[in-house]
Amino acid sequence: MSQKRSRRIKDRYFRALRFRKLQAASVLICAGLIVALALVTLLNGLRGKNTNAKLEDIAAFRISSESIAEFEALSIKYRLDFYELLAVYCHDNLFFPDKSISAPTNIERDYVLNYKAVVSRVYNNDTKHYEQMFRNILGDLRAFPIAEGYDGEYTFLDSWGASRDYKKGRIHQGTDILDTENTRGRLPVVSMTDGKIENIGWLELGGFRIGVRAKSGAYYYYAHLDSFAQGLKEGSIIRAGDLLGRMGDTGYGEEGQRGKFAVHLHVGINPSVEFAENFWINPYPFLRVLESSRGSKTLATADKSMER
């Protein structure tokens, strides 16, 4: 065999060998990319500590109204989506399962100034649901449920989750606003939102109650009324600040039962979420936000002439 021919054979052999090596390297690179993509997808799904927010912690909503107001102010200052920012914060902290509001010492520093990185780390499909929940509630709420002009004549605390004696085995899923004079029929109750009256009448537990369905789909519940405003019926369209009735002490028995407890308004909020059925969330922080925003242009005063 001539040297020239031998050289050509060796050249073909080494070219084929280099091709096989390149081919093998390409396969390894592709496999590595696939594995990396799978890991990224897995991590995005898990999100570390952000996967285990429990429904009871979400419902308890242990966020102060001051924190909500701070997030709103920061979202305006930095042109961020307020609802997304609040959802990211709550999700990142698992809605505070330790039953104490351990808010960051500096929300602006820890969340806002590093917002893209925080969103990348935290945001997933669960966060999206929380964002929609806040968008529904905070987008709906416009008026505190006791008419203006009665400041100092009511009081309320965070009693979410407290046990209830009547029909044992229940917990409190709302906020009670009490009349400081404990006089039925004295304080006017107004709608917190625009919407349509979906339920009106008597319930054993709620007494004379009204349920309002807002355009967002969220449901707002007002219980233990002494009486209803004139002309209200199922299907009535109402606006935030419209009179619903008067605070009372009805319920815990057959229709007309009064006096089983102090005069108060029970407020309930069902935000109509996709992640749970018949889900109620603690109204207390939202009521504090509404109370602190009294006098803004979005709040209406009850028309007392509507009473019967």
Protein backbone atom coordinates (compact mmCIF):
# COMPACT_ATOMS: atom_id res chain seq x y z
CA MET A 1 0.00 0.00 0.00
CA SER A 2 1.36 3.39 -1.02
CA GLN A 3 2.11 6.00 1.63
CA LYS A 4 -0.37 8.40 0.03
CA ARG A 5 -3.18 5.87 0.21
CA SER A 6 -2.29 4.97 3.79
CA ARG A 7 -2.36 8.65 4.75
CA ARG A 8 -5.83 9.06 3.21
CA ILE A 9 -7.16 6.08 5.18
CA LYS A 10 -5.73 7.48 8.41
CA ASP A 11 -7.21 10.90 7.67
CA ARG A 12 -10.67 9.39 7.12
CA TYR A 13 -10.36 7.37 10.31
CA PHE A 14 -9.42 10.36 12.43
CA ARG A 15 -12.11 12.54 10.83
CA ALA A 16 -14.68 9.86 11.61
CA LEU A 17 -13.33 9.62 15.16
CA ARG A 18 -13.56 13.38 15.65
CA PHE A 19 -17.12 13.37 14.27
CA ARG A 20 -18.13 10.62 16.70
CA LYS A 21 -16.61 12.58 19.58
CA LEU A 22 -18.43 15.74 18.51
CA GLN A 23 -21.61 13.75 18.13
CA ALA A 24 -21.22 12.26 21.62
CA ALA A 25 -20.46 15.71 23.08
CA SER A 26 -23.56 17.13 21.40
CA VAL A 27 -25.68 14.35 22.88
CA LEU A 28 -24.23 15.03 26.35
CA ILE A 29 -24.84 18.76 26.00
CA CYS A 30 -28.44 18.21 24.91
CA ALA A 31 -28.98 15.76 27.75
CA GLY A 32 -27.52 18.28 30.17
CA LEU A 33 -29.81 21.00 28.88
CA ILE A 34 -32.82 18.72 29.23
CA VAL A 35 -31.87 17.82 32.79
CA ALA A 36 -31.25 21.50 33.64
CA LEU A 37 -34.62 22.48 32.15
CA ALA A 38 -36.31 19.72 34.14
CA LEU A 39 -34.64 20.93 37.34
CA VAL A 40 -35.67 24.53 36.67
CA THR A 41 -39.24 23.41 36.05
CA LEU A 42 -39.21 21.36 39.24
CA LEU A 43 -37.80 24.22 41.26
CA ASN A 44 -40.33 26.63 39.80
CA GLY A 45 -43.06 24.24 40.86
CA LEU A 46 -41.68 23.72 44.34
CA ARG A 47 -40.48 27.26 45.07
CA GLY A 48 -38.73 26.06 48.20
CA LYS A 49 -40.67 27.14 51.27
CA ASN A 50 -43.45 28.72 49.21
CA THR A 51 -45.34 25.50 48.53
CA ASN A 52 -47.05 24.79 51.83
CA ALA A 53 -49.26 27.76 52.69
CA LYS A 54 -52.20 26.19 54.51
CA LEU A 55 -55.78 27.23 53.90
CA GLU A 56 -56.28 28.06 57.57
CA ASP A 57 -53.31 30.43 57.47
CA ILE A 58 -54.48 32.08 54.25
CA ALA A 59 -57.96 32.49 55.73
CA ALA A 60 -56.66 33.96 59.00
CA PHE A 61 -54.84 36.66 56.97
CA ARG A 62 -52.51 37.90 59.72
CA ILE A 63 -51.43 41.06 57.92
CA SER A 64 -51.82 44.43 59.58
CA SER A 65 -53.73 47.22 57.87
CA GLU A 66 -50.57 49.33 58.27
CA SER A 67 -48.62 46.82 56.18
CA ILE A 68 -51.33 46.84 53.51
CA ALA A 69 -51.23 50.65 53.42
CA GLU A 70 -47.43 50.58 53.16
CA PHE A 71 -47.54 48.18 50.22
CA GLU A 72 -50.08 50.40 48.48
CA ALA A 73 -47.88 53.47 48.96
CA LEU A 74 -44.78 51.64 47.72
CA SER A 75 -46.60 50.26 44.69
CA ILE A 76 -47.56 53.81 43.72
CA LYS A 77 -44.06 55.15 44.36
CA TYR A 78 -42.35 52.45 42.27
CA ARG A 79 -45.18 51.87 39.78
CA LEU A 80 -45.68 48.23 40.76
CA ASP A 81 -48.85 46.16 40.74
CA PHE A 82 -50.19 46.54 44.28
CA TYR A 83 -52.10 43.25 44.28
CA GLU A 84 -49.15 41.29 42.91
CA LEU A 85 -46.80 42.86 45.46
CA LEU A 86 -49.10 41.95 48.35
CA ALA A 87 -49.56 38.40 47.01
CA VAL A 88 -45.81 37.89 46.65
CA TYR A 89 -45.21 39.14 50.19
CA CYS A 90 -47.91 36.92 51.71
CA HIS A 91 -46.83 33.87 49.73
CA ASP A 92 -43.17 34.36 50.59
CA ASN A 93 -44.11 34.36 54.28
CA LEU A 94 -46.63 31.52 53.98
CA PHE A 95 -49.31 33.85 55.35
CA PHE A 96 -47.53 33.81 58.72
CA PRO A 97 -48.36 30.34 60.11
CA ASP A 98 -46.74 31.15 63.49
CA LYS A 99 -49.81 33.31 64.25
CA SER A 100 -47.79 36.49 64.58
CA ILE A 101 -47.15 39.18 62.00
CA SER A 102 -43.40 38.94 61.58
CA ALA A 103 -43.28 41.52 58.83
CA PRO A 104 -39.93 42.38 57.25
CA THR A 105 -38.12 45.16 59.06
CA ASN A 106 -37.88 47.05 55.79
CA ILE A 107 -40.44 46.14 53.14
CA GLU A 108 -38.97 48.59 50.65
CA ARG A 109 -35.49 47.13 50.99
CA ASP A 110 -36.43 43.45 51.28
CA TYR A 111 -39.10 43.36 48.59
CA VAL A 112 -39.49 46.43 46.44
CA LEU A 113 -35.90 47.38 45.60
CA ASN A 114 -35.14 43.75 44.71
CA TYR A 115 -38.58 43.12 43.24
CA LYS A 116 -37.68 41.24 40.03
CA ALA A 117 -35.50 38.78 41.92
CA VAL A 118 -38.16 38.27 44.59
CA VAL A 119 -40.87 37.67 41.98
CA SER A 120 -38.61 35.24 40.13
CA ARG A 121 -38.02 33.31 43.35
CA VAL A 122 -41.57 33.35 44.71
CA TYR A 123 -44.18 33.76 42.00
CA ASN A 124 -45.97 30.63 40.81
CA ASN A 125 -49.53 29.51 40.13
CA ASP A 126 -50.48 29.73 43.81
CA THR A 127 -49.26 33.32 43.94
CA LYS A 128 -51.42 34.06 40.92
CA HIS A 129 -54.48 32.84 42.82
CA TYR A 130 -53.60 34.97 45.85
CA GLU A 131 -53.13 37.99 43.60
CA GLN A 132 -56.60 37.49 42.13
CA MET A 133 -58.06 37.10 45.60
CA PHE A 134 -56.60 40.44 46.73
CA ARG A 135 -57.63 42.05 43.46
CA ASN A 136 -61.21 40.91 44.07
CA ILE A 137 -61.45 42.05 47.69
CA LEU A 138 -59.45 45.27 47.66
CA GLY A 139 -60.88 46.19 44.28
CA ASP A 140 -64.43 45.75 45.61
CA LEU A 141 -64.23 47.42 49.01
CA ARG A 142 -65.20 51.11 49.08
CA ALA A 143 -67.05 51.88 52.33
CA PHE A 144 -66.81 50.91 55.98
CA PRO A 145 -70.01 49.01 56.91
CA ILE A 146 -71.11 51.47 59.61
CA ALA A 147 -72.33 54.76 58.14
CA GLU A 148 -70.21 57.87 58.60
CA GLY A 149 -71.05 60.09 61.54
CA TYR A 150 -70.93 57.25 64.07
CA ASP A 151 -67.22 57.14 64.86
CA GLY A 152 -66.58 56.08 68.45
CA GLU A 153 -69.98 54.42 68.71
CA TYR A 154 -68.80 50.98 67.67
CA THR A 155 -65.83 48.76 68.38
CA PHE A 156 -64.32 45.64 66.84
CA LEU A 157 -61.42 43.25 67.42
CA ASP A 158 -59.86 40.38 65.50
CA SER A 159 -61.90 37.38 66.69
CA TRP A 160 -61.22 35.14 63.68
CA GLY A 161 -61.16 31.47 64.64
CA ALA A 162 -62.72 31.90 68.08
CA SER A 163 -64.96 29.02 69.16
CA ARG A 164 -68.74 29.38 69.14
CA ASP A 165 -71.08 27.79 71.70
CA TYR A 166 -74.28 27.68 69.65
CA LYS A 167 -74.19 24.59 67.43
CA LYS A 168 -70.88 23.51 68.94
CA GLY A 169 -67.92 22.64 66.74
CA ARG A 170 -67.98 25.94 64.87
CA ILE A 171 -65.36 28.66 64.74
CA HIS A 172 -65.89 32.34 64.03
CA GLN A 173 -65.36 33.10 60.33
CA GLY A 174 -65.85 36.83 60.31
CA THR A 175 -65.48 40.05 62.28
CA ASP A 176 -68.03 41.34 64.79
CA ILE A 177 -68.60 45.10 65.00
CA LEU A 178 -70.31 45.90 68.31
CA ASP A 179 -72.56 48.81 69.25
CA THR A 180 -70.96 50.48 72.28
CA GLU A 181 -74.44 51.24 73.64
CA ASN A 182 -75.72 47.73 72.92
CA THR A 183 -78.96 49.16 71.49
CA ARG A 184 -80.64 47.25 68.69
CA GLY A 185 -81.71 49.27 65.66
CA ARG A 186 -79.44 52.24 66.45
CA LEU A 187 -76.45 52.01 64.08
CA PRO A 188 -76.98 52.10 60.29
CA VAL A 189 -75.28 49.33 58.30
CA VAL A 190 -74.15 50.15 54.75
CA SER A 191 -72.80 48.10 51.88
CA MET A 192 -69.04 47.94 51.59
CA THR A 193 -69.21 47.34 47.84
CA ASP A 194 -71.18 47.74 44.67
CA GLY A 195 -73.10 44.63 43.75
CA LYS A 196 -76.36 42.73 43.70
CA ILE A 197 -78.28 41.36 46.67
CA GLU A 198 -78.10 37.60 46.33
CA ASN A 199 -79.64 36.64 49.67
CA ILE A 200 -81.89 38.52 52.07
CA GLY A 201 -83.98 37.21 54.93
CA TRP A 202 -83.64 34.93 57.90
CA LEU A 203 -80.99 32.34 58.78
CA GLU A 204 -80.89 30.42 62.05
CA LEU A 205 -77.29 31.43 62.75
CA GLY A 206 -77.20 34.81 61.02
CA GLY A 207 -80.65 36.08 61.91
CA PHE A 208 -81.80 38.78 59.51
CA ARG A 209 -78.97 38.86 57.00
CA ILE A 210 -78.05 40.23 53.58
CA GLY A 211 -75.56 38.71 51.14
CA VAL A 212 -74.17 40.90 48.35
CA ARG A 213 -72.43 39.50 45.28
CA ALA A 214 -69.92 41.94 43.80
CA LYS A 215 -68.93 42.03 40.13
CA SER A 216 -65.64 40.34 41.02
CA GLY A 217 -67.59 37.29 42.17
CA ALA A 218 -66.76 37.85 45.84
CA TYR A 219 -69.60 37.53 48.35
CA TYR A 220 -70.10 39.96 51.26
CA TYR A 221 -72.22 38.86 54.22
CA TYR A 222 -73.96 41.10 56.79
CA ALA A 223 -75.64 39.26 59.66
CA HIS A 224 -77.73 39.86 62.84
CA LEU A 225 -79.52 42.91 61.42
CA ASP A 226 -82.45 44.34 63.35
CA SER A 227 -84.23 45.44 60.16
CA PHE A 228 -83.68 45.93 56.44
CA ALA A 229 -83.62 49.19 54.50
CA GLN A 230 -86.83 49.96 52.65
CA GLY A 231 -87.30 48.40 49.24
CA LEU A 232 -84.41 45.93 49.34
CA LYS A 233 -85.04 42.51 47.87
CA GLU A 234 -83.21 39.68 46.18
CA GLY A 235 -81.74 41.03 42.94
CA SER A 236 -81.61 44.66 44.07
CA ILE A 237 -78.61 46.56 42.68
CA ILE A 238 -76.74 48.53 45.31
CA ARG A 239 -73.74 50.83 45.52
CA ALA A 240 -71.03 51.09 48.14
CA GLY A 241 -72.38 53.19 51.00
CA ASP A 242 -76.05 52.34 50.35
CA LEU A 243 -78.04 51.59 53.47
CA LEU A 244 -78.71 47.89 54.08
CA GLY A 245 -80.40 48.06 57.47
CA ARG A 246 -79.80 48.56 61.17
CA MET A 247 -77.49 46.67 63.52
CA GLY A 248 -79.26 44.18 65.75
CA ASP A 249 -79.04 41.00 67.78
CA THR A 250 -81.10 38.57 65.72
CA GLY A 251 -80.32 34.90 65.22
CA TYR A 252 -79.58 31.64 67.02
CA GLY A 253 -83.12 30.41 66.77
CA GLU A 254 -86.37 30.56 64.85
CA GLU A 255 -87.22 33.64 62.79
CA GLY A 256 -87.49 36.74 64.92
CA GLN A 257 -85.26 35.46 67.73
CA ARG A 258 -83.46 38.32 69.50
CA GLY A 259 -81.33 38.82 72.57
CA LYS A 260 -79.10 35.73 72.52
CA PHE A 261 -75.98 37.92 72.30
CA ALA A 262 -74.88 41.57 72.30
CA VAL A 263 -75.98 43.91 69.50
CA HIS A 264 -73.44 43.62 66.69
CA LEU A 265 -72.87 43.25 62.96
CA HIS A 266 -71.17 40.10 61.75
CA VAL A 267 -69.18 40.81 58.58
CA GLY A 268 -68.09 37.91 56.36
CA ILE A 269 -66.06 37.89 53.15
CA ASN A 270 -65.98 34.99 50.70
CA PRO A 271 -63.58 36.07 47.91
CA SER A 272 -64.67 33.33 45.48
CA VAL A 273 -61.27 31.72 44.92
CA GLU A 274 -60.27 28.85 42.65
CA PHE A 275 -58.08 27.06 45.20
CA ALA A 276 -60.84 26.23 47.72
CA GLU A 277 -64.60 25.85 48.00
CA ASN A 278 -66.70 27.89 50.43
CA PHE A 279 -63.59 29.79 51.48
CA TRP A 280 -63.96 32.68 53.94
CA ILE A 281 -61.16 35.11 54.76
CA ASN A 282 -60.63 37.23 57.87
CA PRO A 283 -62.25 40.64 57.23
CA TYR A 284 -60.49 42.37 60.13
CA PRO A 285 -57.45 43.86 58.29
CA PHE A 286 -59.67 44.99 55.41
CA LEU A 287 -62.11 46.66 57.82
CA ARG A 288 -59.22 48.52 59.44
CA VAL A 289 -58.14 49.72 55.99
CA LEU A 290 -61.69 50.92 55.26
CA GLU A 291 -61.98 52.62 58.62
CA SER A 292 -58.70 54.49 58.15
CA SER A 293 -59.75 55.64 54.67
CA ARG A 294 -63.04 57.22 55.77
CA GLY A 295 -63.71 60.53 54.06
CA SER A 296 -62.09 59.60 50.76
CA LYS A 297 -64.01 60.30 47.59
CA THR A 298 -64.71 56.61 47.08
CA LEU A 299 -66.71 56.29 50.27
CA ALA A 300 -70.41 57.13 50.35
CA THR A 301 -72.59 58.09 53.29
CA ALA A 302 -75.75 56.13 54.06
CA ASP A 303 -79.01 57.72 53.02
CA LYS A 304 -81.05 57.47 56.23
CA SER A 305 -84.24 58.31 54.34
CA MET A 306 -84.20 54.79 52.86
CA GLU A 307 -85.11 53.22 56.19
CA ARG A 308 -88.53 51.85 56.87
